[in-house]
Amino acid sequence: MPKQKTKRAAYKRLKLTASGKLKRHKAFKSHILTKKHPKRKRGLRQAVLVSKADEGRLRRLLAK
């Protein structure tokens, strides 16, 4: 049976925390920033945890 490969796109976008949860960055921070309020842009800088509904699917992508 061949080796199972990590999906490199997922690997580059997600990080594992020390407690084993998945961390991701927020979307909508790359362009068209002039119409977004500074408070909103500050909030988009923060990383957040992946939702429980998506976590299983994303772990499967990261499985080696």
PDB file of N, CA and C in Angstrom:
ATOM      1  N   MET A   1       0.845  -1.184   0.000  1.00  0.00           N
ATOM      2  CA  MET A   1       0.000   0.000   0.000  1.00  0.00           C
ATOM      3  C   MET A   1       0.888   1.244   0.000  1.00  0.00           C
ATOM      4  N   PRO A   2       0.596   2.250  -0.842  1.00  0.00           N
ATOM      5  CA  PRO A   2       1.457   3.434  -0.896  1.00  0.00           C
ATOM      6  C   PRO A   2       1.291   4.300   0.348  1.00  0.00           C
ATOM      7  N   LYS A   3       2.276   5.145   0.545  1.00  0.00           N
ATOM      8  CA  LYS A   3       2.220   6.081   1.673  1.00  0.00           C
ATOM      9  C   LYS A   3       1.063   7.058   1.483  1.00  0.00           C
ATOM     10  N   GLN A   4       0.486   7.492   2.601  1.00  0.00           N
ATOM     11  CA  GLN A   4      -0.571   8.498   2.534  1.00  0.00           C
ATOM     12  C   GLN A   4       0.103   9.867   2.585  1.00  0.00           C
ATOM     13  N   LYS A   5      -0.210  10.718   1.637  1.00  0.00           N
ATOM     14  CA  LYS A   5       0.451  12.021   1.560  1.00  0.00           C
ATOM     15  C   LYS A   5      -0.382  13.104   2.209  1.00  0.00           C
ATOM     16  N   THR A   6       0.290  14.047   2.834  1.00  0.00           N
ATOM     17  CA  THR A   6      -0.363  15.217   3.395  1.00  0.00           C
ATOM     18  C   THR A   6      -0.798  16.130   2.259  1.00  0.00           C
ATOM     19  N   LYS A   7      -1.975  16.727   2.377  1.00  0.00           N
ATOM     20  CA  LYS A   7      -2.395  17.740   1.413  1.00  0.00           C
ATOM     21  C   LYS A   7      -1.618  19.010   1.747  1.00  0.00           C
ATOM     22  N   ARG A   8      -0.703  19.383   0.894  1.00  0.00           N
ATOM     23  CA  ARG A   8       0.219  20.480   1.201  1.00  0.00           C
ATOM     24  C   ARG A   8      -0.496  21.818   1.374  1.00  0.00           C
ATOM     25  N   ALA A   9      -1.584  22.041   0.643  1.00  0.00           N
ATOM     26  CA  ALA A   9      -2.314  23.300   0.779  1.00  0.00           C
ATOM     27  C   ALA A   9      -2.868  23.438   2.193  1.00  0.00           C
ATOM     28  N   ALA A  10      -3.419  22.371   2.741  1.00  0.00           N
ATOM     29  CA  ALA A  10      -3.964  22.396   4.099  1.00  0.00           C
ATOM     30  C   ALA A  10      -2.831  22.556   5.118  1.00  0.00           C
ATOM     31  N   TYR A  11      -1.729  21.880   4.884  1.00  0.00           N
ATOM     32  CA  TYR A  11      -0.590  21.928   5.794  1.00  0.00           C
ATOM     33  C   TYR A  11      -0.055  23.354   5.927  1.00  0.00           C
ATOM     34  N   LYS A  12      -0.068  24.105   4.834  1.00  0.00           N
ATOM     35  CA  LYS A  12       0.452  25.474   4.849  1.00  0.00           C
ATOM     36  C   LYS A  12      -0.515  26.451   5.515  1.00  0.00           C
ATOM     37  N   ARG A  13      -1.804  26.130   5.557  1.00  0.00           N
ATOM     38  CA  ARG A  13      -2.817  27.057   6.069  1.00  0.00           C
ATOM     39  C   ARG A  13      -3.207  26.806   7.511  1.00  0.00           C
ATOM     40  N   LEU A  14      -2.896  25.643   8.039  1.00  0.00           N
ATOM     41  CA  LEU A  14      -3.324  25.270   9.388  1.00  0.00           C
ATOM     42  C   LEU A  14      -2.125  24.964  10.266  1.00  0.00           C
ATOM     43  N   LYS A  15      -2.272  25.257  11.563  1.00  0.00           N
ATOM     44  CA  LYS A  15      -1.227  24.926  12.537  1.00  0.00           C
ATOM     45  C   LYS A  15      -1.882  24.174  13.681  1.00  0.00           C
ATOM     46  N   LEU A  16      -1.147  23.259  14.282  1.00  0.00           N
ATOM     47  CA  LEU A  16      -1.625  22.557  15.457  1.00  0.00           C
ATOM     48  C   LEU A  16      -1.197  23.326  16.699  1.00  0.00           C
ATOM     49  N   THR A  17      -2.120  23.511  17.654  1.00  0.00           N
ATOM     50  CA  THR A  17      -1.761  24.154  18.913  1.00  0.00           C
ATOM     51  C   THR A  17      -1.134  23.104  19.830  1.00  0.00           C
ATOM     52  N   ALA A  18      -0.613  23.545  20.953  1.00  0.00           N
ATOM     53  CA  ALA A  18       0.019  22.628  21.900  1.00  0.00           C
ATOM     54  C   ALA A  18      -0.983  21.617  22.451  1.00  0.00           C
ATOM     55  N   SER A  19      -2.252  22.023  22.556  1.00  0.00           N
ATOM     56  CA  SER A  19      -3.276  21.107  23.080  1.00  0.00           C
ATOM     57  C   SER A  19      -3.875  20.224  21.983  1.00  0.00           C
ATOM     58  N   GLY A  20      -3.406  20.395  20.744  1.00  0.00           N
ATOM     59  CA  GLY A  20      -3.845  19.522  19.660  1.00  0.00           C
ATOM     60  C   GLY A  20      -4.992  20.049  18.828  1.00  0.00           C
ATOM     61  N   LYS A  21      -5.411  21.280  19.076  1.00  0.00           N
ATOM     62  CA  LYS A  21      -6.484  21.865  18.269  1.00  0.00           C
ATOM     63  C   LYS A  21      -5.901  22.477  17.001  1.00  0.00           C
ATOM     64  N   LEU A  22      -6.755  22.729  16.013  1.00  0.00           N
ATOM     65  CA  LEU A  22      -6.306  23.319  14.756  1.00  0.00           C
ATOM     66  C   LEU A  22      -6.560  24.823  14.768  1.00  0.00           C
ATOM     67  N   LYS A  23      -5.564  25.573  14.337  1.00  0.00           N
ATOM     68  CA  LYS A  23      -5.651  27.026  14.291  1.00  0.00           C
ATOM     69  C   LYS A  23      -5.604  27.465  12.837  1.00  0.00           C
ATOM     70  N   ARG A  24      -6.400  28.488  12.507  1.00  0.00           N
ATOM     71  CA  ARG A  24      -6.435  28.998  11.143  1.00  0.00           C
ATOM     72  C   ARG A  24      -6.471  30.518  11.172  1.00  0.00           C
ATOM     73  N   HIS A  25      -6.165  31.121  10.023  1.00  0.00           N
ATOM     74  CA  HIS A  25      -6.267  32.570   9.903  1.00  0.00           C
ATOM     75  C   HIS A  25      -7.617  32.936   9.290  1.00  0.00           C
ATOM     76  N   LYS A  26      -8.058  34.144   9.531  1.00  0.00           N
ATOM     77  CA  LYS A  26      -9.336  34.600   9.010  1.00  0.00           C
ATOM     78  C   LYS A  26      -9.202  35.057   7.559  1.00  0.00           C
ATOM     79  N   ALA A  27     -10.301  34.996   6.841  1.00  0.00           N
ATOM     80  CA  ALA A  27     -10.332  35.407   5.440  1.00  0.00           C
ATOM     81  C   ALA A  27     -10.653  36.895   5.327  1.00  0.00           C
ATOM     82  N   PHE A  28     -10.645  37.417   4.119  1.00  0.00           N
ATOM     83  CA  PHE A  28     -11.056  38.783   3.777  1.00  0.00           C
ATOM     84  C   PHE A  28     -10.084  39.855   4.275  1.00  0.00           C
ATOM     85  N   LYS A  29      -8.792  39.568   4.313  1.00  0.00           N
ATOM     86  CA  LYS A  29      -7.815  40.544   4.785  1.00  0.00           C
ATOM     87  C   LYS A  29      -6.770  40.856   3.709  1.00  0.00           C
ATOM     88  N   SER A  30      -6.982  40.373   2.477  1.00  0.00           N
ATOM     89  CA  SER A  30      -5.923  40.505   1.478  1.00  0.00           C
ATOM     90  C   SER A  30      -6.071  41.713   0.555  1.00  0.00           C
ATOM     91  N   HIS A  31      -7.288  42.114   0.225  1.00  0.00           N
ATOM     92  CA  HIS A  31      -7.462  43.268  -0.668  1.00  0.00           C
ATOM     93  C   HIS A  31      -8.828  43.897  -0.434  1.00  0.00           C
ATOM     94  N   ILE A  32      -9.082  45.007  -1.100  1.00  0.00           N
ATOM     95  CA  ILE A  32     -10.299  45.831  -0.890  1.00  0.00           C
ATOM     96  C   ILE A  32     -10.416  46.195   0.587  1.00  0.00           C
ATOM     97  N   LEU A  33      -9.335  46.767   1.132  1.00  0.00           N
ATOM     98  CA  LEU A  33      -9.303  47.076   2.559  1.00  0.00           C
ATOM     99  C   LEU A  33      -9.771  48.497   2.856  1.00  0.00           C
ATOM    100  N   THR A  34      -9.889  49.336   1.835  1.00  0.00           N
ATOM    101  CA  THR A  34     -10.219  50.738   2.086  1.00  0.00           C
ATOM    102  C   THR A  34     -11.634  50.898   2.633  1.00  0.00           C
ATOM    103  N   LYS A  35     -12.547  50.041   2.241  1.00  0.00           N
ATOM    104  CA  LYS A  35     -13.930  50.169   2.715  1.00  0.00           C
ATOM    105  C   LYS A  35     -14.161  49.464   4.048  1.00  0.00           C
ATOM    106  N   LYS A  36     -13.179  48.754   4.549  1.00  0.00           N
ATOM    107  CA  LYS A  36     -13.339  48.029   5.811  1.00  0.00           C
ATOM    108  C   LYS A  36     -12.882  48.911   6.969  1.00  0.00           C
ATOM    109  N   HIS A  37     -13.644  48.888   8.038  1.00  0.00           N
ATOM    110  CA  HIS A  37     -13.359  49.704   9.203  1.00  0.00           C
ATOM    111  C   HIS A  37     -12.091  49.182   9.893  1.00  0.00           C
ATOM    112  N   PRO A  38     -11.283  50.087  10.483  1.00  0.00           N
ATOM    113  CA  PRO A  38     -10.045  49.655  11.143  1.00  0.00           C
ATOM    114  C   PRO A  38     -10.274  48.594  12.220  1.00  0.00           C
ATOM    115  N   LYS A  39     -11.377  48.696  12.938  1.00  0.00           N
ATOM    116  CA  LYS A  39     -11.672  47.718  13.983  1.00  0.00           C
ATOM    117  C   LYS A  39     -11.878  46.327  13.378  1.00  0.00           C
ATOM    118  N   ARG A  40     -12.539  46.307  12.229  1.00  0.00           N
ATOM    119  CA  ARG A  40     -12.774  45.039  11.539  1.00  0.00           C
ATOM    120  C   ARG A  40     -11.453  44.445  11.050  1.00  0.00           C
ATOM    121  N   LYS A  41     -10.576  45.303  10.513  1.00  0.00           N
ATOM    122  CA  LYS A  41      -9.284  44.822  10.006  1.00  0.00           C
ATOM    123  C   LYS A  41      -8.400  44.303  11.144  1.00  0.00           C
ATOM    124  N   ARG A  42      -8.466  44.957  12.298  1.00  0.00           N
ATOM    125  CA  ARG A  42      -7.715  44.479  13.470  1.00  0.00           C
ATOM    126  C   ARG A  42      -8.190  43.095  13.884  1.00  0.00           C
ATOM    127  N   GLY A  43      -9.504  42.901  13.842  1.00  0.00           N
ATOM    128  CA  GLY A  43     -10.068  41.603  14.204  1.00  0.00           C
ATOM    129  C   GLY A  43      -9.657  40.505  13.245  1.00  0.00           C
ATOM    130  N   LEU A  44      -9.471  40.852  11.998  1.00  0.00           N
ATOM    131  CA  LEU A  44      -9.092  39.857  10.990  1.00  0.00           C
ATOM    132  C   LEU A  44      -7.641  39.400  11.139  1.00  0.00           C
ATOM    133  N   ARG A  45      -6.840  40.143  11.899  1.00  0.00           N
ATOM    134  CA  ARG A  45      -5.444  39.729  12.130  1.00  0.00           C
ATOM    135  C   ARG A  45      -5.338  38.515  13.037  1.00  0.00           C
ATOM    136  N   GLN A  46      -6.314  38.371  13.929  1.00  0.00           N
ATOM    137  CA  GLN A  46      -6.231  37.315  14.939  1.00  0.00           C
ATOM    138  C   GLN A  46      -6.496  35.949  14.320  1.00  0.00           C
ATOM    139  N   ALA A  47      -5.731  34.965  14.755  1.00  0.00           N
ATOM    140  CA  ALA A  47      -5.986  33.589  14.341  1.00  0.00           C
ATOM    141  C   ALA A  47      -7.099  33.024  15.223  1.00  0.00           C
ATOM    142  N   VAL A  48      -7.858  32.082  14.691  1.00  0.00           N
ATOM    143  CA  VAL A  48      -8.952  31.463  15.442  1.00  0.00           C
ATOM    144  C   VAL A  48      -8.863  29.948  15.309  1.00  0.00           C
ATOM    145  N   LEU A  49      -9.581  29.253  16.177  1.00  0.00           N
ATOM    146  CA  LEU A  49      -9.608  27.801  16.109  1.00  0.00           C
ATOM    147  C   LEU A  49     -10.619  27.357  15.058  1.00  0.00           C
ATOM    148  N   VAL A  50     -10.333  26.238  14.437  1.00  0.00           N
ATOM    149  CA  VAL A  50     -11.227  25.655  13.440  1.00  0.00           C
ATOM    150  C   VAL A  50     -12.486  25.159  14.151  1.00  0.00           C
ATOM    151  N   SER A  51     -13.643  25.303  13.542  1.00  0.00           N
ATOM    152  CA  SER A  51     -14.894  24.876  14.168  1.00  0.00           C
ATOM    153  C   SER A  51     -14.931  23.353  14.280  1.00  0.00           C
ATOM    154  N   LYS A  52     -15.702  22.874  15.248  1.00  0.00           N
ATOM    155  CA  LYS A  52     -15.814  21.430  15.485  1.00  0.00           C
ATOM    156  C   LYS A  52     -16.358  20.708  14.249  1.00  0.00           C
ATOM    157  N   ALA A  53     -17.268  21.366  13.539  1.00  0.00           N
ATOM    158  CA  ALA A  53     -17.885  20.743  12.366  1.00  0.00           C
ATOM    159  C   ALA A  53     -16.854  20.457  11.281  1.00  0.00           C
ATOM    160  N   ASP A  54     -15.845  21.299  11.143  1.00  0.00           N
ATOM    161  CA  ASP A  54     -14.837  21.144  10.089  1.00  0.00           C
ATOM    162  C   ASP A  54     -13.588  20.397  10.545  1.00  0.00           C
ATOM    163  N   GLU A  55     -13.419  20.266  11.849  1.00  0.00           N
ATOM    164  CA  GLU A  55     -12.144  19.755  12.365  1.00  0.00           C
ATOM    165  C   GLU A  55     -11.816  18.351  11.864  1.00  0.00           C
ATOM    166  N   GLY A  56     -12.771  17.438  11.863  1.00  0.00           N
ATOM    167  CA  GLY A  56     -12.512  16.063  11.428  1.00  0.00           C
ATOM    168  C   GLY A  56     -12.054  15.998   9.983  1.00  0.00           C
ATOM    169  N   ARG A  57     -12.734  16.771   9.133  1.00  0.00           N
ATOM    170  CA  ARG A  57     -12.382  16.798   7.702  1.00  0.00           C
ATOM    171  C   ARG A  57     -10.963  17.318   7.494  1.00  0.00           C
ATOM    172  N   LEU A  58     -10.617  18.375   8.229  1.00  0.00           N
ATOM    173  CA  LEU A  58      -9.300  18.977   8.048  1.00  0.00           C
ATOM    174  C   LEU A  58      -8.187  18.106   8.634  1.00  0.00           C
ATOM    175  N   ARG A  59      -8.492  17.405   9.707  1.00  0.00           N
ATOM    176  CA  ARG A  59      -7.481  16.464  10.267  1.00  0.00           C
ATOM    177  C   ARG A  59      -7.156  15.369   9.269  1.00  0.00           C
ATOM    178  N   ARG A  60      -8.169  14.927   8.540  1.00  0.00           N
ATOM    179  CA  ARG A  60      -7.929  13.888   7.530  1.00  0.00           C
ATOM    180  C   ARG A  60      -7.006  14.407   6.431  1.00  0.00           C
ATOM    181  N   LEU A  61      -7.122  15.689   6.089  1.00  0.00           N
ATOM    182  CA  LEU A  61      -6.228  16.266   5.068  1.00  0.00           C
ATOM    183  C   LEU A  61      -4.793  16.325   5.566  1.00  0.00           C
ATOM    184  N   LEU A  62      -4.629  16.521   6.889  1.00  0.00           N
ATOM    185  CA  LEU A  62      -3.292  16.652   7.450  1.00  0.00           C
ATOM    186  C   LEU A  62      -2.657  15.315   7.812  1.00  0.00           C
ATOM    187  N   ALA A  63      -3.428  14.234   7.760  1.00  0.00           N
ATOM    188  CA  ALA A  63      -2.895  12.921   8.141  1.00  0.00           C
ATOM    189  C   ALA A  63      -1.733  12.544   7.228  1.00  0.00           C
ATOM    190  N   LYS A  64      -0.697  12.038   7.830  1.00  0.00           N
ATOM    191  CA  LYS A  64       0.486  11.667   7.040  1.00  0.00           C
ATOM    192  C   LYS A  64       0.543  10.183   6.820  1.00  0.00           C
TER     193      LYS A  64
END
